[in-house]
Every structure is written in structure tokens, then in C-alpha cells.
C-alpha atoms as a PDB file:
ATOM      1  CA  MET A   1      15.474  31.814 -32.450  1.00  0.00           C
ATOM      2  CA  GLU A   2      16.978  28.300 -32.557  1.00  0.00           C
ATOM      3  CA  LEU A   3      17.366  28.408 -28.780  1.00  0.00           C
ATOM      4  CA  LEU A   4      13.707  29.297 -28.353  1.00  0.00           C
ATOM      5  CA  LYS A   5      12.709  26.415 -30.643  1.00  0.00           C
ATOM      6  CA  SER A   6      14.875  24.029 -28.664  1.00  0.00           C
ATOM      7  CA  VAL A   7      13.323  25.192 -25.389  1.00  0.00           C
ATOM      8  CA  ALA A   8       9.820  24.821 -26.851  1.00  0.00           C
ATOM      9  CA  VAL A   9      10.562  21.285 -28.038  1.00  0.00           C
ATOM     10  CA  PHE A  10      12.013  20.365 -24.653  1.00  0.00           C
ATOM     11  CA  LEU A  11       9.002  21.746 -22.775  1.00  0.00           C
ATOM     12  CA  SER A  12       6.658  19.883 -25.109  1.00  0.00           C
ATOM     13  CA  PHE A  13       8.573  16.675 -24.436  1.00  0.00           C
ATOM     14  CA  VAL A  14       8.406  17.240 -20.653  1.00  0.00           C
ATOM     15  CA  ALA A  15       4.660  17.892 -20.852  1.00  0.00           C
ATOM     16  CA  PHE A  16       4.146  14.757 -22.935  1.00  0.00           C
ATOM     17  CA  ALA A  17       6.283  12.678 -20.585  1.00  0.00           C
ATOM     18  CA  SER A  18       4.431  13.985 -17.533  1.00  0.00           C
ATOM     19  CA  ALA A  19       1.081  13.214 -19.116  1.00  0.00           C
ATOM     20  CA  SER A  20       2.276   9.725 -20.010  1.00  0.00           C
ATOM     21  CA  LYS A  21       3.441   9.092 -16.466  1.00  0.00           C
ATOM     22  CA  ALA A  22       0.211  10.400 -14.987  1.00  0.00           C
ATOM     23  CA  ALA A  23      -1.730   8.150 -17.331  1.00  0.00           C
ATOM     24  CA  LEU A  24      -0.142   5.136 -15.639  1.00  0.00           C
ATOM     25  CA  CYS A  25      -2.456   5.657 -12.661  1.00  0.00           C
ATOM     26  CA  ASN A  26      -5.865   4.030 -12.779  1.00  0.00           C
ATOM     27  CA  LYS A  27      -8.678   6.555 -13.100  1.00  0.00           C
ATOM     28  CA  TYR A  28     -11.640   5.680 -10.925  1.00  0.00           C
ATOM     29  CA  PRO A  29     -14.965   7.531 -11.079  1.00  0.00           C
ATOM     30  CA  PRO A  30     -16.609   9.072  -8.008  1.00  0.00           C
ATOM     31  CA  LEU A  31     -18.288   6.613  -5.644  1.00  0.00           C
ATOM     32  CA  ILE A  32     -21.961   7.164  -6.393  1.00  0.00           C
ATOM     33  CA  GLY A  33     -24.066   7.862  -3.313  1.00  0.00           C
ATOM     34  CA  PHE A  34     -21.097   8.117  -0.942  1.00  0.00           C
ATOM     35  CA  GLU A  35     -22.171   9.461   2.484  1.00  0.00           C
ATOM     36  CA  ILE A  36     -19.357  10.905   4.539  1.00  0.00           C
ATOM     37  CA  ASP A  37     -21.296  10.840   7.812  1.00  0.00           C
ATOM     38  CA  LYS A  38     -21.859   7.089   7.509  1.00  0.00           C
ATOM     39  CA  TYR A  39     -18.136   6.683   6.808  1.00  0.00           C
ATOM     40  CA  LEU A  40     -17.042   8.491   9.979  1.00  0.00           C
ATOM     41  CA  GLY A  41     -15.560   6.473  12.810  1.00  0.00           C
ATOM     42  CA  ARG A  42     -12.774   3.973  13.130  1.00  0.00           C
ATOM     43  CA  TRP A  43     -11.348   1.718  10.433  1.00  0.00           C
ATOM     44  CA  TRP A  44      -8.635  -0.890  10.955  1.00  0.00           C
ATOM     45  CA  GLN A  45      -5.994  -1.702   8.363  1.00  0.00           C
ATOM     46  CA  MET A  46      -6.237  -5.351   7.343  1.00  0.00           C
ATOM     47  CA  GLU A  47      -4.239  -5.376   4.118  1.00  0.00           C
ATOM     48  CA  LYS A  48      -2.295  -2.660   2.333  1.00  0.00           C
ATOM     49  CA  THR A  49       0.373  -1.884  -0.214  1.00  0.00           C
ATOM     50  CA  PRO A  50       3.870  -1.702   1.342  1.00  0.00           C
ATOM     51  CA  THR A  51       4.991   1.901   1.936  1.00  0.00           C
ATOM     52  CA  VAL A  52       8.199   3.158   3.523  1.00  0.00           C
ATOM     53  CA  SER A  53       6.384   5.748   5.653  1.00  0.00           C
ATOM     54  CA  GLU A  54       4.352   3.132   7.505  1.00  0.00           C
ATOM     55  CA  LEU A  55       7.100   0.555   8.035  1.00  0.00           C
ATOM     56  CA  PRO A  56       8.138   1.835  11.519  1.00  0.00           C
ATOM     57  CA  GLY A  57       4.586   1.287  12.789  1.00  0.00           C
ATOM     58  CA  LYS A  58       2.070  -1.520  13.239  1.00  0.00           C
ATOM     59  CA  CYS A  59      -1.576  -1.892  14.290  1.00  0.00           C
ATOM     60  CA  TRP A  60      -2.610   1.099  12.154  1.00  0.00           C
ATOM     61  CA  SER A  61      -6.126   2.461  12.282  1.00  0.00           C
ATOM     62  CA  SER A  62      -7.887   5.495  10.807  1.00  0.00           C
ATOM     63  CA  PHE A  63     -10.450   7.539  12.687  1.00  0.00           C
ATOM     64  CA  TYR A  64     -12.614   9.989  10.708  1.00  0.00           C
ATOM     65  CA  TYR A  65     -14.539  12.637  12.639  1.00  0.00           C
ATOM     66  CA  ARG A  66     -16.121  16.067  12.382  1.00  0.00           C
ATOM     67  CA  ASP A  67     -14.106  19.034  13.622  1.00  0.00           C
ATOM     68  CA  ALA A  68     -15.706  20.118  16.911  1.00  0.00           C
ATOM     69  CA  ALA A  69     -14.788  23.750  16.243  1.00  0.00           C
ATOM     70  CA  ASN A  70     -16.117  23.625  12.671  1.00  0.00           C
ATOM     71  CA  PRO A  71     -18.558  20.728  12.027  1.00  0.00           C
ATOM     72  CA  GLU A  72     -18.421  21.356   8.286  1.00  0.00           C
ATOM     73  CA  LYS A  73     -14.832  20.097   8.231  1.00  0.00           C
ATOM     74  CA  VAL A  74     -13.676  16.481   8.477  1.00  0.00           C
ATOM     75  CA  LYS A  75     -10.481  15.384  10.208  1.00  0.00           C
ATOM     76  CA  LEU A  76      -8.482  12.174  10.181  1.00  0.00           C
ATOM     77  CA  ARG A  77      -6.611  10.708  13.148  1.00  0.00           C
ATOM     78  CA  MET A  78      -4.113   7.923  12.466  1.00  0.00           C
ATOM     79  CA  ASP A  79      -3.231   5.669  15.398  1.00  0.00           C
ATOM     80  CA  TYR A  80      -0.385   3.167  15.389  1.00  0.00           C
ATOM     81  CA  VAL A  81       2.201   1.464  17.600  1.00  0.00           C
ATOM     82  CA  THR A  82       5.940   1.939  17.057  1.00  0.00           C
ATOM     83  CA  ARG A  83       7.572  -1.390  16.239  1.00  0.00           C
ATOM     84  CA  LEU A  84      10.814  -0.611  18.078  1.00  0.00           C
ATOM     85  CA  THR A  85       9.389   0.519  21.432  1.00  0.00           C
ATOM     86  CA  ASN A  86       5.727  -0.608  21.262  1.00  0.00           C
ATOM     87  CA  ALA A  87       4.747   2.947  22.165  1.00  0.00           C
ATOM     88  CA  PRO A  88       1.350   4.215  20.919  1.00  0.00           C
ATOM     89  CA  ASN A  89       1.495   7.172  18.534  1.00  0.00           C
ATOM     90  CA  THR A  90      -1.028   9.428  16.822  1.00  0.00           C
ATOM     91  CA  PHE A  91      -1.014  12.085  14.128  1.00  0.00           C
ATOM     92  CA  PHE A  92      -3.769  14.265  12.731  1.00  0.00           C
ATOM     93  CA  SER A  93      -4.699  15.530   9.277  1.00  0.00           C
ATOM     94  CA  GLN A  94      -7.273  18.063   8.107  1.00  0.00           C
ATOM     95  CA  LEU A  95      -9.125  16.626   5.136  1.00  0.00           C
ATOM     96  CA  ILE A  96     -10.372  18.646   2.200  1.00  0.00           C
ATOM     97  CA  ILE A  97     -13.177  17.432  -0.064  1.00  0.00           C
ATOM     98  CA  ASP A  98     -12.626  19.324  -3.302  1.00  0.00           C
ATOM     99  CA  ASN A  99     -16.030  18.544  -4.766  1.00  0.00           C
ATOM    100  CA  PRO A 100     -18.462  17.562  -1.977  1.00  0.00           C
ATOM    101  CA  VAL A 101     -21.462  17.517  -4.340  1.00  0.00           C
ATOM    102  CA  ASN A 102     -20.161  15.511  -7.298  1.00  0.00           C
ATOM    103  CA  ASP A 103     -17.201  13.654  -5.781  1.00  0.00           C
ATOM    104  CA  PRO A 104     -17.451  13.467  -1.959  1.00  0.00           C
ATOM    105  CA  SER A 105     -15.345  10.287  -1.830  1.00  0.00           C
ATOM    106  CA  ASN A 106     -12.185  12.073  -3.026  1.00  0.00           C
ATOM    107  CA  PHE A 107     -10.056  13.446  -0.167  1.00  0.00           C
ATOM    108  CA  VAL A 108      -7.046  15.764  -0.050  1.00  0.00           C
ATOM    109  CA  TYR A 109      -4.784  15.663   3.001  1.00  0.00           C
ATOM    110  CA  SER A 110      -1.549  17.245   4.185  1.00  0.00           C
ATOM    111  CA  VAL A 111       1.426  15.077   5.028  1.00  0.00           C
ATOM    112  CA  PRO A 112       1.985  15.689   8.802  1.00  0.00           C
ATOM    113  CA  ALA A 113       5.767  16.217   8.518  1.00  0.00           C
ATOM    114  CA  MET A 114       5.345  18.395   5.415  1.00  0.00           C
ATOM    115  CA  PRO A 115       2.055  20.353   5.693  1.00  0.00           C
ATOM    116  CA  TRP A 116       2.709  22.122   2.374  1.00  0.00           C
ATOM    117  CA  ARG A 117       2.643  18.782   0.542  1.00  0.00           C
ATOM    118  CA  LYS A 118      -0.848  17.679  -0.484  1.00  0.00           C
ATOM    119  CA  LYS A 119      -1.929  14.179  -1.491  1.00  0.00           C
ATOM    120  CA  HIS A 120      -5.154  12.873  -2.971  1.00  0.00           C
ATOM    121  CA  TYR A 121      -6.825   9.574  -2.219  1.00  0.00           C
ATOM    122  CA  ARG A 122     -10.333   8.240  -2.641  1.00  0.00           C
ATOM    123  CA  VAL A 123     -12.752   5.705  -1.228  1.00  0.00           C
ATOM    124  CA  LEU A 124     -13.406   3.211  -4.023  1.00  0.00           C
ATOM    125  CA  ALA A 125     -15.912   0.992  -2.216  1.00  0.00           C
ATOM    126  CA  THR A 126     -17.537   0.583   1.189  1.00  0.00           C
ATOM    127  CA  ASP A 127     -20.622  -0.849   2.832  1.00  0.00           C
ATOM    128  CA  TYR A 128     -19.984   1.472   5.843  1.00  0.00           C
ATOM    129  CA  ASP A 129     -20.535  -1.302   8.414  1.00  0.00           C
ATOM    130  CA  ASN A 130     -17.916  -3.905   7.494  1.00  0.00           C
ATOM    131  CA  PHE A 131     -15.220  -2.926   4.998  1.00  0.00           C
ATOM    132  CA  ALA A 132     -13.819  -0.133   2.864  1.00  0.00           C
ATOM    133  CA  ILE A 133     -11.217   0.127   0.114  1.00  0.00           C
ATOM    134  CA  GLU A 134      -9.156   3.306  -0.245  1.00  0.00           C
ATOM    135  CA  TYR A 135      -6.850   4.100  -3.145  1.00  0.00           C
ATOM    136  CA  MET A 136      -4.053   6.576  -3.856  1.00  0.00           C
ATOM    137  CA  CYS A 137      -1.837   6.855  -6.909  1.00  0.00           C
ATOM    138  CA  GLY A 138       0.842   9.278  -7.969  1.00  0.00           C
ATOM    139  CA  VAL A 139       4.090   9.509  -9.907  1.00  0.00           C
ATOM    140  CA  ASN A 140       7.188   8.985  -7.775  1.00  0.00           C
ATOM    141  CA  MET A 141      10.657  10.517  -8.158  1.00  0.00           C
ATOM    142  CA  MET A 142      11.640   7.746 -10.563  1.00  0.00           C
ATOM    143  CA  GLY A 143       8.856   8.781 -12.926  1.00  0.00           C
ATOM    144  CA  THR A 144       6.751   5.660 -12.456  1.00  0.00           C
ATOM    145  CA  SER A 145       3.260   5.334 -11.024  1.00  0.00           C
ATOM    146  CA  GLU A 146       2.985   4.366  -7.385  1.00  0.00           C
ATOM    147  CA  GLU A 147      -0.294   2.794  -6.273  1.00  0.00           C
ATOM    148  CA  THR A 148      -1.308   2.467  -2.635  1.00  0.00           C
ATOM    149  CA  VAL A 149      -4.334   0.400  -1.668  1.00  0.00           C
ATOM    150  CA  TRP A 150      -5.831   0.006   1.795  1.00  0.00           C
ATOM    151  CA  LEU A 151      -8.297  -2.717   2.731  1.00  0.00           C
ATOM    152  CA  LEU A 152      -9.989  -1.500   5.919  1.00  0.00           C
ATOM    153  CA  THR A 153     -12.514  -3.113   8.241  1.00  0.00           C
ATOM    154  CA  ARG A 154     -14.670  -1.832  11.076  1.00  0.00           C
ATOM    155  CA  ASP A 155     -13.710  -4.750  13.308  1.00  0.00           C
ATOM    156  CA  ARG A 156     -10.164  -5.427  14.312  1.00  0.00           C
ATOM    157  CA  ARG A 157     -10.879  -9.135  13.984  1.00  0.00           C
ATOM    158  CA  PRO A 158     -13.197  -9.291  10.961  1.00  0.00           C
ATOM    159  CA  SER A 159     -14.992 -12.467   9.976  1.00  0.00           C
ATOM    160  CA  LEU A 160     -13.902 -14.609   7.047  1.00  0.00           C
ATOM    161  CA  GLU A 161     -17.090 -13.610   5.235  1.00  0.00           C
ATOM    162  CA  VAL A 162     -16.233  -9.896   5.495  1.00  0.00           C
ATOM    163  CA  MET A 163     -12.689 -10.480   4.226  1.00  0.00           C
ATOM    164  CA  GLN A 164     -13.950 -12.580   1.313  1.00  0.00           C
ATOM    165  CA  GLN A 165     -16.392  -9.845   0.358  1.00  0.00           C
ATOM    166  CA  ALA A 166     -13.656  -7.203   0.548  1.00  0.00           C
ATOM    167  CA  ARG A 167     -11.206  -9.249  -1.537  1.00  0.00           C
ATOM    168  CA  HIS A 168     -13.894  -9.957  -4.115  1.00  0.00           C
ATOM    169  CA  THR A 169     -14.458  -6.190  -4.364  1.00  0.00           C
ATOM    170  CA  LEU A 170     -10.728  -5.708  -4.949  1.00  0.00           C
ATOM    171  CA  GLN A 171     -10.967  -8.187  -7.804  1.00  0.00           C
ATOM    172  CA  VAL A 172     -13.961  -6.376  -9.325  1.00  0.00           C
ATOM    173  CA  LEU A 173     -12.001  -3.102  -9.139  1.00  0.00           C
ATOM    174  CA  GLY A 174      -9.043  -4.722 -10.913  1.00  0.00           C
ATOM    175  CA  LEU A 175      -6.779  -4.348  -7.876  1.00  0.00           C
ATOM    176  CA  ASP A 176      -6.368  -8.016  -6.991  1.00  0.00           C
ATOM    177  CA  LYS A 177      -2.987  -8.072  -8.761  1.00  0.00           C
ATOM    178  CA  VAL A 178      -1.594  -5.168  -6.719  1.00  0.00           C
ATOM    179  CA  LYS A 179       0.985  -6.416  -4.208  1.00  0.00           C
ATOM    180  CA  MET A 180      -0.454  -6.134  -0.708  1.00  0.00           C
ATOM    181  CA  TYR A 181       0.512  -7.575   2.647  1.00  0.00           C
ATOM    182  CA  GLU A 182      -1.488  -8.549   5.707  1.00  0.00           C
ATOM    183  CA  ALA A 183      -1.276  -5.761   8.261  1.00  0.00           C
ATOM    184  CA  ASP A 184      -0.008  -6.541  11.758  1.00  0.00           C
ATOM    185  CA  GLN A 185      -2.894  -6.101  14.213  1.00  0.00           C
ATOM    186  CA  SER A 186      -1.355  -8.126  17.036  1.00  0.00           C
ATOM    187  CA  CYS A 187      -1.081  -5.242  19.523  1.00  0.00           C
ATOM    188  CA  GLU A 188      -2.960  -5.344  22.774  1.00  0.00           C
ATOM    189  CA  GLU A 189      -5.720  -2.756  22.830  1.00  0.00           C
ATOM    190  CA  LYS A 190      -4.917   0.208  25.086  1.00  0.00           C
ATOM    191  CA  PRO A 191      -6.995   3.225  26.140  1.00  0.00           C
ATOM    192  CA  TYR A 192      -6.451   6.273  23.957  1.00  0.00           C
ATOM    193  CA  LYS A 193      -4.330   8.857  25.812  1.00  0.00           C
ATOM    194  CA  ARG A 194      -5.085  12.466  25.015  1.00  0.00           C
ATOM    195  CA  ALA A 195      -1.812  14.349  24.755  1.00  0.00           C
ATOM    196  CA  SER A 196      -2.975  17.983  24.699  1.00  0.00           C
ATOM    197  CA  MET A 197      -5.914  20.269  25.409  1.00  0.00           C
ATOM    198  CA  MET A 198      -6.820  20.282  21.699  1.00  0.00           C
ATOM    199  CA  ASP A 199      -6.809  16.504  21.764  1.00  0.00           C
ATOM    200  CA  TRP A 200      -9.722  16.545  24.210  1.00  0.00           C
ATOM    201  CA  LEU A 201     -11.913  17.887  21.399  1.00  0.00           C
ATOM    202  CA  VAL A 202     -11.333  14.683  19.437  1.00  0.00           C
ATOM    203  CA  PRO A 203     -13.879  11.860  19.815  1.00  0.00           C
ATOM    204  CA  ASN A 204     -12.768   8.734  21.628  1.00  0.00           C
ATOM    205  CA  ARG A 205     -11.104   5.921  19.700  1.00  0.00           C
ATOM    206  CA  ARG A 206     -14.362   4.046  19.428  1.00  0.00           C
END
């Protein structure tokens, strides 16, 4: 009986600790009026939170598009250039919108190297034509919250006015204190090379 009590206390503590850790992440409401079809297309990374997974690459961009085989589904293509060899690389993710009616700005994607591992992120703000802000937060292996913020723009060389508007939006969202760095977009633009037959079903980079 004492053992069972000890186990119960321990499980309660773990549940409390997990809830406390999860509470460290900012909770943002759904983006009212978000239209996925207006969000489709290419977005360039201008500023973002440092992450280990993206360190080997530069000139990152995201391309959202409808699945040609199933137009109800949305896919994401990430393009980047390897820092070491300057070789262009691409990986794909199938996106899931858990609640397309009440929260269409919240996406779930599979990590390419680990398809069983799912991550959530959401669009916090966008005007569709100039800039967008995406946000992801989770608890890492150390038990602390880990925020990732992306400031994206439609143009690879956005105007000062667009960047000022985007940074002001970050401030309004309370994310201006999050450590971000200016993304490297110095690569020379190259034509997108389709690597496989399935790749031909993907819209062009533009």
C-alpha cells in the first residue's frame, strides 16, 4: 500500500511538473480570418530564432502548396543551400490542420528525418502580400520551454517599410525580446531542379 501511495505521489509530481513546463510557452489564440489559400506560395526567412537543425544551411525559404494528387491537403517544401558545399537542397513535409474551421492557422508537420515525430507551429500574423510571423514552442529535453520564431517575407529583398511593419508586429505580439538573428540570404538565385518524378507534381519555386 505504501508503495502504491509513493507511486501515486510521484506520478502527481510528474504531471504537475509537466504542466508547469508546458505553461512556460506563450499561448496564442487562433488567427481570426486566416485564409490558407492566400498564404500559399513562397516565403523567405529574414529573421529567426537560432536552431541547431538549420545551422548547416542558409538562404532558407518555405513554399506552401496544394497537393496535386489531393487538393484538400497542403504541403510544405523547404529550400536551402548547404553552407559547406553551397549545394541546393530541398525537403518536403505534409501539413495537417487539426481544426480547419476554428483554427486554420495552426499546423502540424512531421520532421523529415523522423516522420513519427510531430511538431506544431502556427501563423501569428500576416498580411499575405508582404510579411508573416510563424511561432513554435515546446519543452526541450532539459525541461525548459524552447521558442522558435520566424519572420518571413514574400520578397527576398524586402523594403525597409515592410521590415519595420513586421518588427512592430513582433513587438505587439510580445516577441521583440526573443533572441533572433538576421538570416543569410546572400545566395545567388538558381533554377529549382526537380529531383524525381514526384517532384514534377510540385509547383515551381515562384
